[in-house]
Amino acid sequence: MGITDHDTIAGWAEAKEAAEEAGIELVPGCELSTEVGGTEVHILAYYFDPEDPGMADLLRRMRGGRRKRVEEAVAKLHALGYADVSLERILARGGESVGRPHIAAELVDLGIVRTLKEAFERFLAQGRPAYVPRPKLEPAEAIAVVRQAGGVPVLAHPGLIGDDRWVREAIAAGVMGIEAYHTDHSELQRQFYARWGHDAGLVVTGGTDSHGPQGTRTVVPGTVNVGMDVVERLKALSLWYQRSRGSLA
């Protein structure tokens, strides 16, 4: 089972302990939120060295940017007249990886909206009154940092990006895998991106992209699976890169 929280590895230790107790192999990673040309492009990072200075600095920047984004969104909600929205409660709910879903949950709890989806549609989505742009991080920078940290960068859910030129750009920037098998991909998209990945020499991965009970999606973990050969290839690539940069003897 993979754990790829957005812009944080805070859950790794707890997940590792739970996985060992359950006899499950854990695939450690995170999902980096990047943007290029006004388009969101998410980069999955697997098996990187969490102590790598560049990666640690990038994750600190992302956490700080997430908090600032939430603070600005809450200020906008206050200006709209929703003074009961509590930044303190939202930060407590979100922890290190606080974000818009935690604001949405606060709006539901206060009865301002009925669902998380409604919170985004009325307030938090792009173009809505409490929207705040995400901190700027381009895919190429994220890919370079992950590789330098001995990790394997994988392009997440390419079918949701909306423009395949960014898939080509990510491959040119050095992405090493593509998430063809995703909950929100049609069967045609799965086949298309899997073939593209194979032809480009990439690791073809998959995932449910479950965001848990606080997420806007109700996908159950484990409903999208890939073979252990994919995991072994990710491990092998990571090991090769870590040895090549001298982090392992």
Protein backbone atom coordinates (compact mmCIF):
# COMPACT_ATOMS: atom_id res chain seq x y z
CA MET A 1 0.00 0.00 0.00
CA GLY A 2 1.31 3.44 -0.91
CA ILE A 3 1.11 6.50 1.31
CA THR A 4 1.44 9.69 -0.71
CA ASP A 5 -0.02 12.57 1.29
CA HIS A 6 0.13 15.99 -0.33
CA ASP A 7 3.40 17.83 0.37
CA THR A 8 4.23 16.02 3.63
CA ILE A 9 5.72 12.81 4.98
CA ALA A 10 4.35 13.31 8.50
CA GLY A 11 2.34 10.08 8.26
CA TRP A 12 5.22 7.80 7.30
CA ALA A 13 6.17 6.56 10.77
CA GLU A 14 2.62 5.75 11.86
CA ALA A 15 1.82 4.14 8.51
CA LYS A 16 4.99 2.01 8.66
CA GLU A 17 4.08 0.73 12.12
CA ALA A 18 0.50 -0.06 11.09
CA ALA A 19 1.65 -1.77 7.90
CA GLU A 20 4.09 -3.99 9.78
CA GLU A 21 1.39 -5.03 12.24
CA ALA A 22 -0.96 -5.90 9.37
CA GLY A 23 1.69 -7.65 7.28
CA ILE A 24 1.40 -5.10 4.47
CA GLU A 25 4.34 -3.73 2.52
CA LEU A 26 4.34 0.06 2.63
CA VAL A 27 5.40 2.11 -0.38
CA PRO A 28 6.55 5.48 1.06
CA GLY A 29 6.06 8.63 -0.93
CA CYS A 30 4.30 11.96 -1.19
CA GLU A 31 2.37 13.90 -3.81
CA LEU A 32 3.85 17.26 -4.74
CA SER A 33 1.42 19.96 -5.85
CA THR A 34 2.92 21.79 -8.82
CA GLU A 35 1.61 24.19 -11.44
CA VAL A 36 2.66 25.24 -14.90
CA GLY A 37 0.89 27.50 -17.37
CA GLY A 38 -2.04 27.87 -14.99
CA THR A 39 -2.53 24.09 -14.91
CA GLU A 40 -2.18 21.86 -11.84
CA VAL A 41 0.27 18.99 -12.39
CA HIS A 42 0.84 16.62 -9.49
CA ILE A 43 4.10 14.71 -9.11
CA LEU A 44 4.21 11.54 -7.01
CA ALA A 45 7.58 10.95 -5.34
CA TYR A 46 8.43 7.40 -4.25
CA TYR A 47 11.27 5.99 -2.13
CA PHE A 48 13.21 9.25 -1.77
CA ASP A 49 15.62 9.92 1.09
CA PRO A 50 13.63 11.97 3.62
CA GLU A 51 16.89 13.34 5.06
CA ASP A 52 18.03 14.79 1.74
CA PRO A 53 18.53 18.55 2.31
CA GLY A 54 16.95 19.60 -0.97
CA MET A 55 13.86 17.46 -0.44
CA ALA A 56 13.52 18.51 3.19
CA ASP A 57 13.74 22.17 2.16
CA LEU A 58 11.15 21.71 -0.59
CA LEU A 59 8.70 20.05 1.81
CA ARG A 60 9.21 22.87 4.33
CA ARG A 61 8.44 25.41 1.62
CA MET A 62 5.33 23.52 0.59
CA ARG A 63 4.06 23.24 4.17
CA GLY A 64 4.64 26.96 4.74
CA GLY A 65 2.89 27.80 1.49
CA ARG A 66 -0.07 25.62 2.39
CA ARG A 67 -0.51 27.35 5.74
CA LYS A 68 -0.26 30.82 4.18
CA ARG A 69 -2.83 29.85 1.56
CA VAL A 70 -5.25 28.67 4.25
CA GLU A 71 -4.72 31.83 6.30
CA GLU A 72 -5.52 34.00 3.28
CA ALA A 73 -8.62 31.95 2.41
CA VAL A 74 -9.92 32.23 5.98
CA ALA A 75 -9.34 35.99 5.88
CA LYS A 76 -11.43 36.14 2.70
CA LEU A 77 -14.22 34.15 4.36
CA HIS A 78 -14.16 36.55 7.32
CA ALA A 79 -14.42 39.47 4.90
CA LEU A 80 -17.45 37.78 3.34
CA GLY A 81 -19.13 37.80 6.74
CA TYR A 82 -18.31 34.29 7.96
CA ALA A 83 -16.51 35.37 11.13
CA ASP A 84 -17.16 32.04 12.91
CA VAL A 85 -14.74 30.23 10.60
CA SER A 86 -11.84 29.35 12.90
CA LEU A 87 -8.28 29.26 11.60
CA GLU A 88 -7.23 27.50 14.80
CA ARG A 89 -9.69 24.65 14.28
CA ILE A 90 -8.74 24.30 10.61
CA LEU A 91 -5.01 24.12 11.42
CA ALA A 92 -5.67 21.55 14.14
CA ARG A 93 -7.70 19.47 11.70
CA GLY A 94 -5.14 19.60 8.91
CA GLY A 95 -1.84 19.22 10.74
CA GLU A 96 1.26 19.59 8.57
CA SER A 97 -0.61 19.25 5.30
CA VAL A 98 -3.47 21.66 5.91
CA GLY A 99 -5.42 22.66 2.84
CA ARG A 100 -8.73 23.54 1.27
CA PRO A 101 -10.48 20.27 2.26
CA HIS A 102 -9.98 21.22 5.91
CA ILE A 103 -11.54 24.64 5.31
CA ALA A 104 -14.40 22.88 3.55
CA ALA A 105 -14.90 20.59 6.55
CA GLU A 106 -15.07 23.64 8.84
CA LEU A 107 -17.75 25.18 6.61
CA VAL A 108 -19.76 21.95 6.81
CA ASP A 109 -19.40 21.78 10.60
CA LEU A 110 -20.65 25.36 10.92
CA GLY A 111 -23.66 24.65 8.71
CA ILE A 112 -22.60 27.20 6.11
CA VAL A 113 -22.68 24.48 3.45
CA ARG A 114 -24.08 20.96 3.44
CA THR A 115 -21.24 19.11 1.74
CA LEU A 116 -17.54 19.42 1.02
CA LYS A 117 -18.37 19.62 -2.68
CA GLU A 118 -20.66 22.59 -2.05
CA ALA A 119 -17.90 24.33 -0.09
CA PHE A 120 -15.62 24.16 -3.10
CA GLU A 121 -18.32 25.16 -5.57
CA ARG A 122 -19.41 28.18 -3.53
CA PHE A 123 -16.17 29.40 -1.96
CA LEU A 124 -12.92 27.50 -2.52
CA ALA A 125 -12.62 26.50 -6.18
CA GLN A 126 -10.74 28.65 -8.67
CA GLY A 127 -12.79 31.73 -9.49
CA ARG A 128 -14.83 31.54 -6.29
CA PRO A 129 -14.67 34.30 -3.62
CA ALA A 130 -12.37 32.57 -1.10
CA TYR A 131 -9.99 31.02 -3.62
CA VAL A 132 -6.28 31.65 -3.12
CA PRO A 133 -3.73 30.49 -5.74
CA ARG A 134 -1.33 27.78 -4.61
CA PRO A 135 2.37 28.55 -4.01
CA LYS A 136 4.38 28.44 -7.22
CA LEU A 137 6.29 25.20 -7.84
CA GLU A 138 6.84 24.00 -11.39
CA PRO A 139 6.91 20.28 -12.26
CA ALA A 140 10.49 20.43 -13.57
CA GLU A 141 11.81 21.69 -10.22
CA ALA A 142 9.89 19.05 -8.28
CA ILE A 143 11.13 16.28 -10.57
CA ALA A 144 14.75 17.43 -10.25
CA VAL A 145 14.57 17.62 -6.45
CA VAL A 146 13.00 14.15 -6.16
CA ARG A 147 15.66 12.59 -8.39
CA GLN A 148 18.44 14.34 -6.48
CA ALA A 149 16.98 12.83 -3.29
CA GLY A 150 17.25 9.34 -4.77
CA GLY A 151 13.52 9.09 -5.39
CA VAL A 152 11.38 8.13 -8.35
CA PRO A 153 9.15 10.94 -9.70
CA VAL A 154 5.89 9.75 -11.25
CA LEU A 155 3.34 11.88 -13.10
CA ALA A 156 0.04 11.57 -11.21
CA HIS A 157 -3.34 11.02 -12.92
CA PRO A 158 -2.38 12.45 -16.34
CA GLY A 159 -5.94 12.13 -17.59
CA LEU A 160 -7.07 14.77 -15.12
CA ILE A 161 -4.53 17.39 -16.22
CA GLY A 162 -6.57 18.33 -19.26
CA ASP A 163 -3.71 18.91 -21.70
CA ASP A 164 -1.29 16.20 -22.81
CA ARG A 165 1.41 18.72 -23.66
CA TRP A 166 2.19 18.81 -19.93
CA VAL A 167 2.62 15.03 -20.02
CA ARG A 168 5.22 15.49 -22.74
CA GLU A 169 6.85 18.31 -20.74
CA ALA A 170 7.04 16.13 -17.62
CA ILE A 171 8.67 13.30 -19.56
CA ALA A 172 11.17 15.76 -21.05
CA ALA A 173 11.91 17.06 -17.53
CA GLY A 174 12.86 13.58 -16.34
CA VAL A 175 9.76 12.04 -14.81
CA MET A 176 10.35 8.29 -14.45
CA GLY A 177 6.82 6.95 -14.20
CA ILE A 178 3.21 7.63 -15.13
CA GLU A 179 0.09 6.81 -13.12
CA ALA A 180 -2.02 5.23 -15.85
CA TYR A 181 -4.28 3.23 -13.54
CA HIS A 182 -6.27 5.78 -11.56
CA THR A 183 -9.78 5.73 -10.15
CA ASP A 184 -10.92 8.65 -12.30
CA HIS A 185 -9.40 7.39 -15.55
CA SER A 186 -11.68 5.68 -18.04
CA GLU A 187 -10.60 2.31 -19.41
CA LEU A 188 -9.58 4.03 -22.63
CA GLN A 189 -7.43 6.52 -20.70
CA ARG A 190 -5.81 3.71 -18.72
CA GLN A 191 -4.85 1.90 -21.91
CA PHE A 192 -3.68 5.11 -23.60
CA TYR A 193 -1.40 6.28 -20.79
CA ALA A 194 -0.13 2.76 -20.08
CA ARG A 195 0.94 2.40 -23.71
CA TRP A 196 2.48 5.88 -23.69
CA GLY A 197 4.39 5.01 -20.53
CA HIS A 198 5.66 1.70 -21.88
CA ASP A 199 6.72 3.31 -25.16
CA ALA A 200 8.59 6.04 -23.23
CA GLY A 201 10.33 3.54 -20.95
CA LEU A 202 8.50 4.73 -17.83
CA VAL A 203 7.26 2.76 -14.85
CA VAL A 204 3.48 2.44 -15.27
CA THR A 205 1.87 2.81 -11.85
CA GLY A 206 -1.60 3.07 -10.38
CA GLY A 207 -3.48 4.20 -7.29
CA THR A 208 -6.89 4.91 -5.83
CA ASP A 209 -5.98 8.47 -4.77
CA SER A 210 -8.07 8.06 -1.64
CA HIS A 211 -8.12 11.25 0.44
CA GLY A 212 -9.70 9.69 3.51
CA PRO A 213 -12.84 10.75 5.36
CA GLN A 214 -11.98 14.47 5.13
CA GLY A 215 -11.56 14.37 1.37
CA THR A 216 -14.02 15.39 -1.31
CA ARG A 217 -13.69 11.93 -2.88
CA THR A 218 -15.12 8.75 -1.34
CA VAL A 219 -12.78 6.25 -2.98
CA VAL A 220 -11.88 3.24 -0.84
CA PRO A 221 -8.14 2.39 -0.68
CA GLY A 222 -7.21 -0.77 -2.55
CA THR A 223 -9.77 -0.50 -5.34
CA VAL A 224 -7.01 0.11 -7.90
CA ASN A 225 -4.09 -2.32 -7.81
CA VAL A 226 -0.83 -2.93 -9.66
CA GLY A 227 1.53 -5.89 -9.52
CA MET A 228 4.49 -6.23 -7.17
CA ASP A 229 6.71 -5.98 -10.24
CA VAL A 230 5.87 -2.26 -10.32
CA VAL A 231 6.91 -1.87 -6.68
CA GLU A 232 10.14 -3.77 -7.30
CA ARG A 233 10.97 -1.58 -10.27
CA LEU A 234 10.39 1.58 -8.22
CA LYS A 235 12.69 0.19 -5.52
CA ALA A 236 15.36 -0.73 -8.04
CA LEU A 237 15.33 2.71 -9.64
CA SER A 238 15.55 4.41 -6.26
CA LEU A 239 18.40 2.18 -5.13
CA TRP A 240 20.32 2.83 -8.34
CA TYR A 241 19.94 6.60 -8.01
CA GLN A 242 20.88 6.63 -4.33
CA ARG A 243 23.99 4.58 -5.03
CA SER A 244 24.90 6.72 -8.01
CA ARG A 245 24.84 9.87 -5.88
CA GLY A 246 26.96 8.22 -3.20
CA SER A 247 24.37 8.06 -0.43
CA LEU A 248 24.82 4.29 -0.11
CA ALA A 249 28.08 2.40 0.04
